[in-house]
Amino acid sequence: MGMGIPFFFYYRLVFLLLLFSVCSAEIRSFDIRSDARPIIPFDEFGFTHSGHLQLNVSNILLSDLNPDLDLSKVGFFLCTRDAWLQVVQQLEDSVIACPLQSALINPVFTFNNLHPPNQQSFYTLFALNFADRYTLVFANCLTSTKISMDVTSSMYNLDRNGHRDFLSAGRTILPKLYFFLSLLYFALAGLWIYVLYKKRLTVFRIHFFMLAVVTLKALNLLCEAEDKSYIKRTGSAHGWDVLFYIFSFLKGITLFTLIVLIGTGWSFFEALLARQRKEGLDDRHPPPGRRQRCSGRHR
């Protein structure tokens, strides 16, 4: 395969994508159709010493049906960010011609292991012995060969009880953390309601906007806690991610509106206008005692 400058640029671009990617943990499915990219990065995951990768690939179809193709140059592997930088350097120095030939990666499955050669699917379970953050990557080092396939990947760690934990290492505590923070915001909302009740004679609409922001933030954190909890146990959010995005949007809109109202002085002018309106009504309709004093002066 001719590794020209565009390929090296592409490999470094892939590294940048890995650098800014966020560890995800859900069971993911990908549909690859007539793709000729030499490198296709999938999910990144923080594995512990009990980490596992389940990989199920079906409907495999190569655009070149030549039986003499070197299918050992096509396959999946796991790689850390630091190792990928060294792999790119090996490619630039012509030490290797394909990332799958590097000793720095963890090969998961190469297509020369398909039996018989026209096999269109495979399933593999890969166990990792070294804890680190790995990215699942597909390499296609066959020039001008396009590939189509359906990929389902499942990355998880085993907890002390042997149960699967689909959250990346370092993120398993997130469900409890988000739930605790949601309780904290609900408590703040309750405290604010109590303050509004005690000061109900001087409450304005801006204070209810503040209550709405705190309440929506609490609901947002609660949905995030449930989202991460379901992902941790099953690998899927089961719709909680939709509620999380809805409450995030509402909270963002409400907070932005609150900031605009405070920044423009609407809350101050509302209180000032309300006070002036009340004083105007008192002048037009004075209390009975004040009305009698005014009539006595006229006499």
C-alpha atoms as a PDB file:
ATOM      1  CA  MET A   1       0.000   0.000   0.000  1.00  0.00           C
ATOM      2  CA  GLY A   2       1.449   3.361  -0.964  1.00  0.00           C
ATOM      3  CA  MET A   3       1.716   5.350   2.240  1.00  0.00           C
ATOM      4  CA  GLY A   4       2.020   8.911   0.902  1.00  0.00           C
ATOM      5  CA  ILE A   5       1.701  12.160   2.754  1.00  0.00           C
ATOM      6  CA  PRO A   6      -2.115  12.088   2.705  1.00  0.00           C
ATOM      7  CA  PHE A   7      -2.092   8.810   4.632  1.00  0.00           C
ATOM      8  CA  PHE A   8       0.249  10.146   7.305  1.00  0.00           C
ATOM      9  CA  PHE A   9      -1.902  13.254   7.586  1.00  0.00           C
ATOM     10  CA  TYR A  10      -4.962  11.043   7.962  1.00  0.00           C
ATOM     11  CA  TYR A  11      -3.314   8.945  10.688  1.00  0.00           C
ATOM     12  CA  ARG A  12      -2.409  12.092  12.658  1.00  0.00           C
ATOM     13  CA  LEU A  13      -5.934  13.393  12.187  1.00  0.00           C
ATOM     14  CA  VAL A  14      -7.204  10.135  13.667  1.00  0.00           C
ATOM     15  CA  PHE A  15      -4.918  10.720  16.654  1.00  0.00           C
ATOM     16  CA  LEU A  16      -6.453  14.164  17.199  1.00  0.00           C
ATOM     17  CA  LEU A  17      -9.906  12.598  17.129  1.00  0.00           C
ATOM     18  CA  LEU A  18      -8.783  10.077  19.735  1.00  0.00           C
ATOM     19  CA  LEU A  19      -7.266  12.864  21.820  1.00  0.00           C
ATOM     20  CA  PHE A  20     -10.526  14.813  22.086  1.00  0.00           C
ATOM     21  CA  SER A  21     -12.896  11.852  22.151  1.00  0.00           C
ATOM     22  CA  VAL A  22     -14.942  11.102  25.237  1.00  0.00           C
ATOM     23  CA  CYS A  23     -14.997   7.661  26.776  1.00  0.00           C
ATOM     24  CA  SER A  24     -18.315   6.052  25.977  1.00  0.00           C
ATOM     25  CA  ALA A  25     -19.595   2.775  27.266  1.00  0.00           C
ATOM     26  CA  GLU A  26     -22.831   1.840  25.660  1.00  0.00           C
ATOM     27  CA  ILE A  27     -23.323  -1.154  23.427  1.00  0.00           C
ATOM     28  CA  ARG A  28     -22.806   0.434  20.030  1.00  0.00           C
ATOM     29  CA  SER A  29     -23.822  -0.565  16.516  1.00  0.00           C
ATOM     30  CA  PHE A  30     -22.259   0.800  13.336  1.00  0.00           C
ATOM     31  CA  ASP A  31     -23.188   0.348   9.686  1.00  0.00           C
ATOM     32  CA  ILE A  32     -20.169   0.620   7.392  1.00  0.00           C
ATOM     33  CA  ARG A  33     -21.030   0.903   3.703  1.00  0.00           C
ATOM     34  CA  SER A  34     -18.502   0.915   0.824  1.00  0.00           C
ATOM     35  CA  ASP A  35     -15.867   2.564   3.006  1.00  0.00           C
ATOM     36  CA  ALA A  36     -12.289   2.800   1.714  1.00  0.00           C
ATOM     37  CA  ARG A  37     -10.780   4.626   4.704  1.00  0.00           C
ATOM     38  CA  PRO A  38      -7.524   3.027   5.879  1.00  0.00           C
ATOM     39  CA  ILE A  39      -8.426   3.696   9.517  1.00  0.00           C
ATOM     40  CA  ILE A  40     -11.887   3.786  11.128  1.00  0.00           C
ATOM     41  CA  PRO A  41     -11.849   4.605  14.871  1.00  0.00           C
ATOM     42  CA  PHE A  42     -14.786   3.438  16.958  1.00  0.00           C
ATOM     43  CA  ASP A  43     -15.333   3.868  20.701  1.00  0.00           C
ATOM     44  CA  GLU A  44     -12.802   4.603  23.426  1.00  0.00           C
ATOM     45  CA  PHE A  45     -13.156   2.860  26.776  1.00  0.00           C
ATOM     46  CA  GLY A  46     -11.284   2.757  30.066  1.00  0.00           C
ATOM     47  CA  PHE A  47     -10.571  -0.896  30.810  1.00  0.00           C
ATOM     48  CA  THR A  48      -9.553  -2.356  34.152  1.00  0.00           C
ATOM     49  CA  HIS A  49      -7.643  -5.617  34.604  1.00  0.00           C
ATOM     50  CA  SER A  50     -10.964  -7.420  34.127  1.00  0.00           C
ATOM     51  CA  GLY A  51     -11.890  -5.621  30.912  1.00  0.00           C
ATOM     52  CA  HIS A  52     -13.558  -7.402  28.002  1.00  0.00           C
ATOM     53  CA  LEU A  53     -14.515  -6.556  24.443  1.00  0.00           C
ATOM     54  CA  GLN A  54     -17.308  -8.367  22.633  1.00  0.00           C
ATOM     55  CA  LEU A  55     -17.194  -7.811  18.895  1.00  0.00           C
ATOM     56  CA  ASN A  56     -19.885  -9.052  16.531  1.00  0.00           C
ATOM     57  CA  VAL A  57     -19.406  -8.290  12.826  1.00  0.00           C
ATOM     58  CA  SER A  58     -21.830  -9.424  10.132  1.00  0.00           C
ATOM     59  CA  ASN A  59     -22.651  -8.870   6.453  1.00  0.00           C
ATOM     60  CA  ILE A  60     -18.973  -8.481   5.553  1.00  0.00           C
ATOM     61  CA  LEU A  61     -18.482  -7.587   1.896  1.00  0.00           C
ATOM     62  CA  LEU A  62     -15.258  -6.568   0.140  1.00  0.00           C
ATOM     63  CA  SER A  63     -15.351  -4.700  -3.151  1.00  0.00           C
ATOM     64  CA  ASP A  64     -12.383  -6.772  -4.404  1.00  0.00           C
ATOM     65  CA  LEU A  65     -13.144 -10.505  -4.488  1.00  0.00           C
ATOM     66  CA  ASN A  66      -9.624 -11.510  -5.501  1.00  0.00           C
ATOM     67  CA  PRO A  67      -8.797 -14.704  -3.530  1.00  0.00           C
ATOM     68  CA  ASP A  68      -5.116 -13.684  -3.371  1.00  0.00           C
ATOM     69  CA  LEU A  69      -5.798 -10.629  -1.206  1.00  0.00           C
ATOM     70  CA  ASP A  70      -3.692 -10.439   1.956  1.00  0.00           C
ATOM     71  CA  LEU A  71      -6.542 -10.274   4.459  1.00  0.00           C
ATOM     72  CA  SER A  72      -4.087 -10.097   7.358  1.00  0.00           C
ATOM     73  CA  LYS A  73      -3.936  -6.379   6.523  1.00  0.00           C
ATOM     74  CA  VAL A  74      -7.640  -5.973   7.297  1.00  0.00           C
ATOM     75  CA  GLY A  75      -8.986  -6.232  10.813  1.00  0.00           C
ATOM     76  CA  PHE A  76      -9.725  -4.760  14.232  1.00  0.00           C
ATOM     77  CA  PHE A  77      -7.323  -3.826  16.998  1.00  0.00           C
ATOM     78  CA  LEU A  78      -7.202  -1.980  20.321  1.00  0.00           C
ATOM     79  CA  CYS A  79      -4.722   0.818  20.845  1.00  0.00           C
ATOM     80  CA  THR A  80      -3.925   3.485  23.426  1.00  0.00           C
ATOM     81  CA  ARG A  81      -3.283   7.101  22.436  1.00  0.00           C
ATOM     82  CA  ASP A  82       0.414   6.924  23.274  1.00  0.00           C
ATOM     83  CA  ALA A  83       0.838   3.698  21.335  1.00  0.00           C
ATOM     84  CA  TRP A  84      -0.951   5.181  18.323  1.00  0.00           C
ATOM     85  CA  LEU A  85       1.560   8.037  18.134  1.00  0.00           C
ATOM     86  CA  GLN A  86       4.369   5.490  18.003  1.00  0.00           C
ATOM     87  CA  VAL A  87       2.516   3.471  15.357  1.00  0.00           C
ATOM     88  CA  VAL A  88       2.222   6.591  13.180  1.00  0.00           C
ATOM     89  CA  GLN A  89       5.960   7.173  13.626  1.00  0.00           C
ATOM     90  CA  GLN A  90       6.640   3.591  12.538  1.00  0.00           C
ATOM     91  CA  LEU A  91       4.548   4.165   9.418  1.00  0.00           C
ATOM     92  CA  GLU A  92       6.407   7.378   8.593  1.00  0.00           C
ATOM     93  CA  ASP A  93       9.767   5.634   9.048  1.00  0.00           C
ATOM     94  CA  SER A  94       8.584   2.734   6.823  1.00  0.00           C
ATOM     95  CA  VAL A  95       9.208   0.275   9.643  1.00  0.00           C
ATOM     96  CA  ILE A  96       5.749  -1.171   8.992  1.00  0.00           C
ATOM     97  CA  ALA A  97       3.325  -0.876   6.085  1.00  0.00           C
ATOM     98  CA  CYS A  98       0.123  -1.340   8.082  1.00  0.00           C
ATOM     99  CA  PRO A  99      -0.894  -0.585  11.685  1.00  0.00           C
ATOM    100  CA  LEU A 100      -1.849  -4.247  12.124  1.00  0.00           C
ATOM    101  CA  GLN A 101       1.836  -5.164  11.722  1.00  0.00           C
ATOM    102  CA  SER A 102       2.900  -3.146  14.753  1.00  0.00           C
ATOM    103  CA  ALA A 103       3.789  -4.864  18.010  1.00  0.00           C
ATOM    104  CA  LEU A 104       2.420  -1.870  19.937  1.00  0.00           C
ATOM    105  CA  ILE A 105      -1.236  -2.678  19.280  1.00  0.00           C
ATOM    106  CA  ASN A 106      -3.564  -5.354  20.622  1.00  0.00           C
ATOM    107  CA  PRO A 107      -4.915  -7.236  17.588  1.00  0.00           C
ATOM    108  CA  VAL A 108      -8.501  -8.358  18.103  1.00  0.00           C
ATOM    109  CA  PHE A 109      -9.364 -10.023  14.803  1.00  0.00           C
ATOM    110  CA  THR A 110      -7.941 -10.017  11.281  1.00  0.00           C
ATOM    111  CA  PHE A 111      -9.921 -11.103   8.259  1.00  0.00           C
ATOM    112  CA  ASN A 112      -7.480 -13.859   7.291  1.00  0.00           C
ATOM    113  CA  ASN A 113      -9.027 -15.812  10.205  1.00  0.00           C
ATOM    114  CA  LEU A 114     -12.392 -15.979   8.464  1.00  0.00           C
ATOM    115  CA  HIS A 115     -13.248 -19.618   7.707  1.00  0.00           C
ATOM    116  CA  PRO A 116     -14.082 -20.414   5.028  1.00  0.00           C
ATOM    117  CA  PRO A 117     -12.671 -17.396   3.090  1.00  0.00           C
ATOM    118  CA  ASN A 118     -16.146 -16.304   2.016  1.00  0.00           C
ATOM    119  CA  GLN A 119     -17.439 -16.251   5.599  1.00  0.00           C
ATOM    120  CA  GLN A 120     -19.467 -13.068   6.082  1.00  0.00           C
ATOM    121  CA  SER A 121     -19.619 -12.780   9.872  1.00  0.00           C
ATOM    122  CA  PHE A 122     -17.681 -13.488  13.038  1.00  0.00           C
ATOM    123  CA  TYR A 123     -17.930 -13.104  16.803  1.00  0.00           C
ATOM    124  CA  THR A 124     -15.035 -12.758  19.206  1.00  0.00           C
ATOM    125  CA  LEU A 125     -14.542 -12.125  22.920  1.00  0.00           C
ATOM    126  CA  PHE A 126     -11.293 -10.355  23.751  1.00  0.00           C
ATOM    127  CA  ALA A 127      -9.947 -10.029  27.305  1.00  0.00           C
ATOM    128  CA  LEU A 128      -7.435  -7.352  28.298  1.00  0.00           C
ATOM    129  CA  ASN A 129      -4.745  -7.908  30.895  1.00  0.00           C
ATOM    130  CA  PHE A 130      -3.494  -4.326  31.201  1.00  0.00           C
ATOM    131  CA  ALA A 131      -5.653  -1.499  32.522  1.00  0.00           C
ATOM    132  CA  ASP A 132      -5.683   1.577  30.289  1.00  0.00           C
ATOM    133  CA  ARG A 133      -7.852   3.601  27.946  1.00  0.00           C
ATOM    134  CA  TYR A 134      -8.122   1.809  24.630  1.00  0.00           C
ATOM    135  CA  THR A 135      -9.807   2.704  21.361  1.00  0.00           C
ATOM    136  CA  LEU A 136     -11.316   0.100  19.071  1.00  0.00           C
ATOM    137  CA  VAL A 137      -9.959   0.727  15.572  1.00  0.00           C
ATOM    138  CA  PHE A 138     -10.539  -0.918  12.189  1.00  0.00           C
ATOM    139  CA  ALA A 139      -7.660  -0.951   9.701  1.00  0.00           C
ATOM    140  CA  ASN A 140      -7.951  -1.564   5.965  1.00  0.00           C
ATOM    141  CA  CYS A 141      -4.502  -1.529   4.361  1.00  0.00           C
ATOM    142  CA  LEU A 142      -5.658  -2.894   0.997  1.00  0.00           C
ATOM    143  CA  THR A 143      -5.388  -0.193  -1.644  1.00  0.00           C
ATOM    144  CA  SER A 144      -8.691   0.824  -3.276  1.00  0.00           C
ATOM    145  CA  THR A 145     -10.603  -1.939  -1.511  1.00  0.00           C
ATOM    146  CA  LYS A 146     -13.914  -0.830  -0.069  1.00  0.00           C
ATOM    147  CA  ILE A 147     -15.622  -2.705   2.699  1.00  0.00           C
ATOM    148  CA  SER A 148     -19.185  -2.974   3.963  1.00  0.00           C
ATOM    149  CA  MET A 149     -20.154  -4.541   7.280  1.00  0.00           C
ATOM    150  CA  ASP A 150     -22.365  -4.250  10.359  1.00  0.00           C
ATOM    151  CA  VAL A 151     -20.411  -3.852  13.596  1.00  0.00           C
ATOM    152  CA  THR A 152     -21.718  -4.267  17.149  1.00  0.00           C
ATOM    153  CA  SER A 153     -19.223  -3.645  19.939  1.00  0.00           C
ATOM    154  CA  SER A 154     -19.680  -4.125  23.657  1.00  0.00           C
ATOM    155  CA  MET A 155     -16.984  -2.989  26.093  1.00  0.00           C
ATOM    156  CA  TYR A 156     -17.258  -3.656  29.807  1.00  0.00           C
ATOM    157  CA  ASN A 157     -15.388  -4.392  33.014  1.00  0.00           C
ATOM    158  CA  LEU A 158     -16.258  -7.004  35.622  1.00  0.00           C
ATOM    159  CA  ASP A 159     -16.948  -5.788  39.157  1.00  0.00           C
ATOM    160  CA  ARG A 160     -16.113  -7.658  42.363  1.00  0.00           C
ATOM    161  CA  ASN A 161     -19.231  -9.804  42.025  1.00  0.00           C
ATOM    162  CA  GLY A 162     -18.480 -10.717  38.429  1.00  0.00           C
ATOM    163  CA  HIS A 163     -21.238  -8.488  37.035  1.00  0.00           C
ATOM    164  CA  ARG A 164     -20.705  -6.489  33.872  1.00  0.00           C
ATOM    165  CA  ASP A 165     -20.088  -2.763  34.278  1.00  0.00           C
ATOM    166  CA  PHE A 166     -20.568  -0.948  30.978  1.00  0.00           C
ATOM    167  CA  LEU A 167     -19.267   2.356  32.325  1.00  0.00           C
ATOM    168  CA  SER A 168     -15.660   3.209  31.613  1.00  0.00           C
ATOM    169  CA  ALA A 169     -13.144   2.932  34.444  1.00  0.00           C
ATOM    170  CA  GLY A 170     -13.281   6.075  36.563  1.00  0.00           C
ATOM    171  CA  ARG A 171     -16.907   6.735  35.642  1.00  0.00           C
ATOM    172  CA  THR A 172     -18.618   3.944  37.587  1.00  0.00           C
ATOM    173  CA  ILE A 173     -19.342   6.302  40.484  1.00  0.00           C
ATOM    174  CA  LEU A 174     -21.228   8.774  38.277  1.00  0.00           C
ATOM    175  CA  PRO A 175     -24.757   7.380  38.928  1.00  0.00           C
ATOM    176  CA  LYS A 176     -24.401   7.854  42.692  1.00  0.00           C
ATOM    177  CA  LEU A 177     -22.710  11.229  42.266  1.00  0.00           C
ATOM    178  CA  TYR A 178     -25.416  12.606  39.964  1.00  0.00           C
ATOM    179  CA  PHE A 179     -28.154  11.253  42.233  1.00  0.00           C
ATOM    180  CA  PHE A 180     -26.583  12.928  45.279  1.00  0.00           C
ATOM    181  CA  LEU A 181     -26.280  16.225  43.408  1.00  0.00           C
ATOM    182  CA  SER A 182     -29.924  15.979  42.299  1.00  0.00           C
ATOM    183  CA  LEU A 183     -30.990  15.547  45.933  1.00  0.00           C
ATOM    184  CA  LEU A 184     -28.887  18.579  46.835  1.00  0.00           C
ATOM    185  CA  TYR A 185     -30.594  20.711  44.183  1.00  0.00           C
ATOM    186  CA  PHE A 186     -34.030  19.460  45.242  1.00  0.00           C
ATOM    187  CA  ALA A 187     -33.164  20.493  48.807  1.00  0.00           C
ATOM    188  CA  LEU A 188     -32.112  23.930  47.555  1.00  0.00           C
ATOM    189  CA  ALA A 189     -35.388  24.197  45.632  1.00  0.00           C
ATOM    190  CA  GLY A 190     -37.315  23.312  48.783  1.00  0.00           C
ATOM    191  CA  LEU A 191     -35.364  25.892  50.778  1.00  0.00           C
ATOM    192  CA  TRP A 192     -36.065  28.528  48.120  1.00  0.00           C
ATOM    193  CA  ILE A 193     -39.787  27.708  48.222  1.00  0.00           C
ATOM    194  CA  TYR A 194     -39.700  28.211  51.994  1.00  0.00           C
ATOM    195  CA  VAL A 195     -37.966  31.595  51.549  1.00  0.00           C
ATOM    196  CA  LEU A 196     -40.527  32.650  48.942  1.00  0.00           C
ATOM    197  CA  TYR A 197     -43.333  31.702  51.307  1.00  0.00           C
ATOM    198  CA  LYS A 198     -41.841  33.626  54.229  1.00  0.00           C
ATOM    199  CA  LYS A 199     -41.173  36.694  52.039  1.00  0.00           C
ATOM    200  CA  ARG A 200     -44.312  36.361  49.948  1.00  0.00           C
ATOM    201  CA  LEU A 201     -45.186  40.046  50.342  1.00  0.00           C
ATOM    202  CA  THR A 202     -41.980  41.090  48.550  1.00  0.00           C
ATOM    203  CA  VAL A 203     -41.722  38.262  45.986  1.00  0.00           C
ATOM    204  CA  PHE A 204     -41.525  39.085  42.290  1.00  0.00           C
ATOM    205  CA  ARG A 205     -41.686  36.962  39.174  1.00  0.00           C
ATOM    206  CA  ILE A 206     -37.893  36.916  38.847  1.00  0.00           C
ATOM    207  CA  HIS A 207     -37.743  34.835  42.027  1.00  0.00           C
ATOM    208  CA  PHE A 208     -39.952  32.163  40.445  1.00  0.00           C
ATOM    209  CA  PHE A 209     -37.590  32.119  37.463  1.00  0.00           C
ATOM    210  CA  MET A 210     -34.799  31.311  39.917  1.00  0.00           C
ATOM    211  CA  LEU A 211     -36.880  28.496  41.383  1.00  0.00           C
ATOM    212  CA  ALA A 212     -37.516  27.094  37.896  1.00  0.00           C
ATOM    213  CA  VAL A 213     -33.774  27.050  37.123  1.00  0.00           C
ATOM    214  CA  VAL A 214     -32.942  25.148  40.313  1.00  0.00           C
ATOM    215  CA  THR A 215     -35.807  22.668  39.815  1.00  0.00           C
ATOM    216  CA  LEU A 216     -34.899  21.964  36.187  1.00  0.00           C
ATOM    217  CA  LYS A 217     -31.266  21.467  37.185  1.00  0.00           C
ATOM    218  CA  ALA A 218     -32.358  18.939  39.813  1.00  0.00           C
ATOM    219  CA  LEU A 219     -34.487  17.052  37.266  1.00  0.00           C
ATOM    220  CA  ASN A 220     -31.628  17.193  34.781  1.00  0.00           C
ATOM    221  CA  LEU A 221     -29.231  15.603  37.266  1.00  0.00           C
ATOM    222  CA  LEU A 222     -31.809  12.972  38.228  1.00  0.00           C
ATOM    223  CA  CYS A 223     -32.254  11.936  34.587  1.00  0.00           C
ATOM    224  CA  GLU A 224     -28.488  11.877  34.137  1.00  0.00           C
ATOM    225  CA  ALA A 225     -28.172   9.616  37.184  1.00  0.00           C
ATOM    226  CA  GLU A 226     -30.772   7.204  35.791  1.00  0.00           C
ATOM    227  CA  ASP A 227     -29.146   7.378  32.354  1.00  0.00           C
ATOM    228  CA  LYS A 228     -25.735   6.395  33.718  1.00  0.00           C
ATOM    229  CA  SER A 229     -27.267   3.785  36.028  1.00  0.00           C
ATOM    230  CA  TYR A 230     -29.009   1.971  33.158  1.00  0.00           C
ATOM    231  CA  ILE A 231     -25.876   2.170  30.994  1.00  0.00           C
ATOM    232  CA  LYS A 232     -23.802   0.792  33.861  1.00  0.00           C
ATOM    233  CA  ARG A 233     -26.083  -2.248  34.250  1.00  0.00           C
ATOM    234  CA  THR A 234     -27.380  -2.920  30.737  1.00  0.00           C
ATOM    235  CA  GLY A 235     -25.265  -0.925  28.286  1.00  0.00           C
ATOM    236  CA  SER A 236     -28.258   1.107  27.112  1.00  0.00           C
ATOM    237  CA  ALA A 237     -29.896   4.280  28.442  1.00  0.00           C
ATOM    238  CA  HIS A 238     -33.461   3.012  27.820  1.00  0.00           C
ATOM    239  CA  GLY A 239     -34.760   6.483  26.918  1.00  0.00           C
ATOM    240  CA  TRP A 240     -33.384   8.344  29.923  1.00  0.00           C
ATOM    241  CA  ASP A 241     -30.925  10.134  27.658  1.00  0.00           C
ATOM    242  CA  VAL A 242     -33.889  11.723  25.830  1.00  0.00           C
ATOM    243  CA  LEU A 243     -35.290  13.106  29.092  1.00  0.00           C
ATOM    244  CA  PHE A 244     -31.821  14.309  30.030  1.00  0.00           C
ATOM    245  CA  TYR A 245     -31.515  16.310  26.795  1.00  0.00           C
ATOM    246  CA  ILE A 246     -35.034  17.728  27.207  1.00  0.00           C
ATOM    247  CA  PHE A 247     -34.389  18.990  30.738  1.00  0.00           C
ATOM    248  CA  SER A 248     -30.933  20.238  29.709  1.00  0.00           C
ATOM    249  CA  PHE A 249     -32.532  22.310  26.961  1.00  0.00           C
ATOM    250  CA  LEU A 250     -35.242  23.696  29.253  1.00  0.00           C
ATOM    251  CA  LYS A 251     -32.728  24.472  31.983  1.00  0.00           C
ATOM    252  CA  GLY A 252     -30.453  26.232  29.511  1.00  0.00           C
ATOM    253  CA  ILE A 253     -33.274  28.345  28.091  1.00  0.00           C
ATOM    254  CA  THR A 254     -34.543  29.267  31.561  1.00  0.00           C
ATOM    255  CA  LEU A 255     -31.073  30.143  32.845  1.00  0.00           C
ATOM    256  CA  PHE A 256     -30.356  32.264  29.763  1.00  0.00           C
ATOM    257  CA  THR A 257     -33.673  34.086  30.206  1.00  0.00           C
ATOM    258  CA  LEU A 258     -32.896  34.687  33.874  1.00  0.00           C
ATOM    259  CA  ILE A 259     -29.463  36.127  33.079  1.00  0.00           C
ATOM    260  CA  VAL A 260     -30.935  38.415  30.404  1.00  0.00           C
ATOM    261  CA  LEU A 261     -33.651  39.662  32.751  1.00  0.00           C
ATOM    262  CA  ILE A 262     -31.158  40.391  35.515  1.00  0.00           C
ATOM    263  CA  GLY A 263     -28.652  41.940  33.115  1.00  0.00           C
ATOM    264  CA  THR A 264     -31.223  44.298  31.630  1.00  0.00           C
ATOM    265  CA  GLY A 265     -32.433  45.354  35.080  1.00  0.00           C
ATOM    266  CA  TRP A 266     -35.927  44.005  34.482  1.00  0.00           C
ATOM    267  CA  SER A 267     -36.220  42.721  38.048  1.00  0.00           C
ATOM    268  CA  PHE A 268     -35.208  46.126  39.473  1.00  0.00           C
ATOM    269  CA  PHE A 269     -37.567  48.092  37.247  1.00  0.00           C
ATOM    270  CA  GLU A 270     -40.395  45.656  37.915  1.00  0.00           C
ATOM    271  CA  ALA A 271     -40.037  46.220  41.658  1.00  0.00           C
ATOM    272  CA  LEU A 272     -39.746  49.995  41.161  1.00  0.00           C
ATOM    273  CA  LEU A 273     -42.806  50.165  38.916  1.00  0.00           C
ATOM    274  CA  ALA A 274     -44.792  48.029  41.314  1.00  0.00           C
ATOM    275  CA  ARG A 275     -43.882  50.359  44.185  1.00  0.00           C
ATOM    276  CA  GLN A 276     -44.786  53.462  42.169  1.00  0.00           C
ATOM    277  CA  ARG A 277     -48.035  51.871  41.084  1.00  0.00           C
ATOM    278  CA  LYS A 278     -48.901  51.127  44.698  1.00  0.00           C
ATOM    279  CA  GLU A 279     -48.069  54.696  45.804  1.00  0.00           C
ATOM    280  CA  GLY A 280     -50.200  56.070  42.969  1.00  0.00           C
ATOM    281  CA  LEU A 281     -53.148  53.995  44.113  1.00  0.00           C
ATOM    282  CA  ASP A 282     -52.665  55.213  47.686  1.00  0.00           C
ATOM    283  CA  ASP A 283     -52.755  58.842  46.511  1.00  0.00           C
ATOM    284  CA  ARG A 284     -55.926  58.282  44.534  1.00  0.00           C
ATOM    285  CA  HIS A 285     -57.650  56.298  47.267  1.00  0.00           C
ATOM    286  CA  PRO A 286     -56.251  57.454  50.635  1.00  0.00           C
ATOM    287  CA  PRO A 287     -57.134  55.560  53.821  1.00  0.00           C
ATOM    288  CA  PRO A 288     -60.220  56.771  55.832  1.00  0.00           C
ATOM    289  CA  GLY A 289     -58.118  58.531  58.515  1.00  0.00           C
ATOM    290  CA  ARG A 290     -56.047  60.372  55.944  1.00  0.00           C
ATOM    291  CA  ARG A 291     -59.224  61.268  54.031  1.00  0.00           C
ATOM    292  CA  GLN A 292     -60.759  62.871  57.169  1.00  0.00           C
ATOM    293  CA  ARG A 293     -57.620  64.903  57.862  1.00  0.00           C
ATOM    294  CA  CYS A 294     -57.632  66.199  54.315  1.00  0.00           C
ATOM    295  CA  SER A 295     -61.305  67.260  54.568  1.00  0.00           C
ATOM    296  CA  GLY A 296     -60.633  69.039  57.895  1.00  0.00           C
ATOM    297  CA  ARG A 297     -57.927  71.130  56.331  1.00  0.00           C
ATOM    298  CA  HIS A 298     -60.280  72.281  53.596  1.00  0.00           C
ATOM    299  CA  ARG A 299     -62.682  73.560  56.237  1.00  0.00           C
END
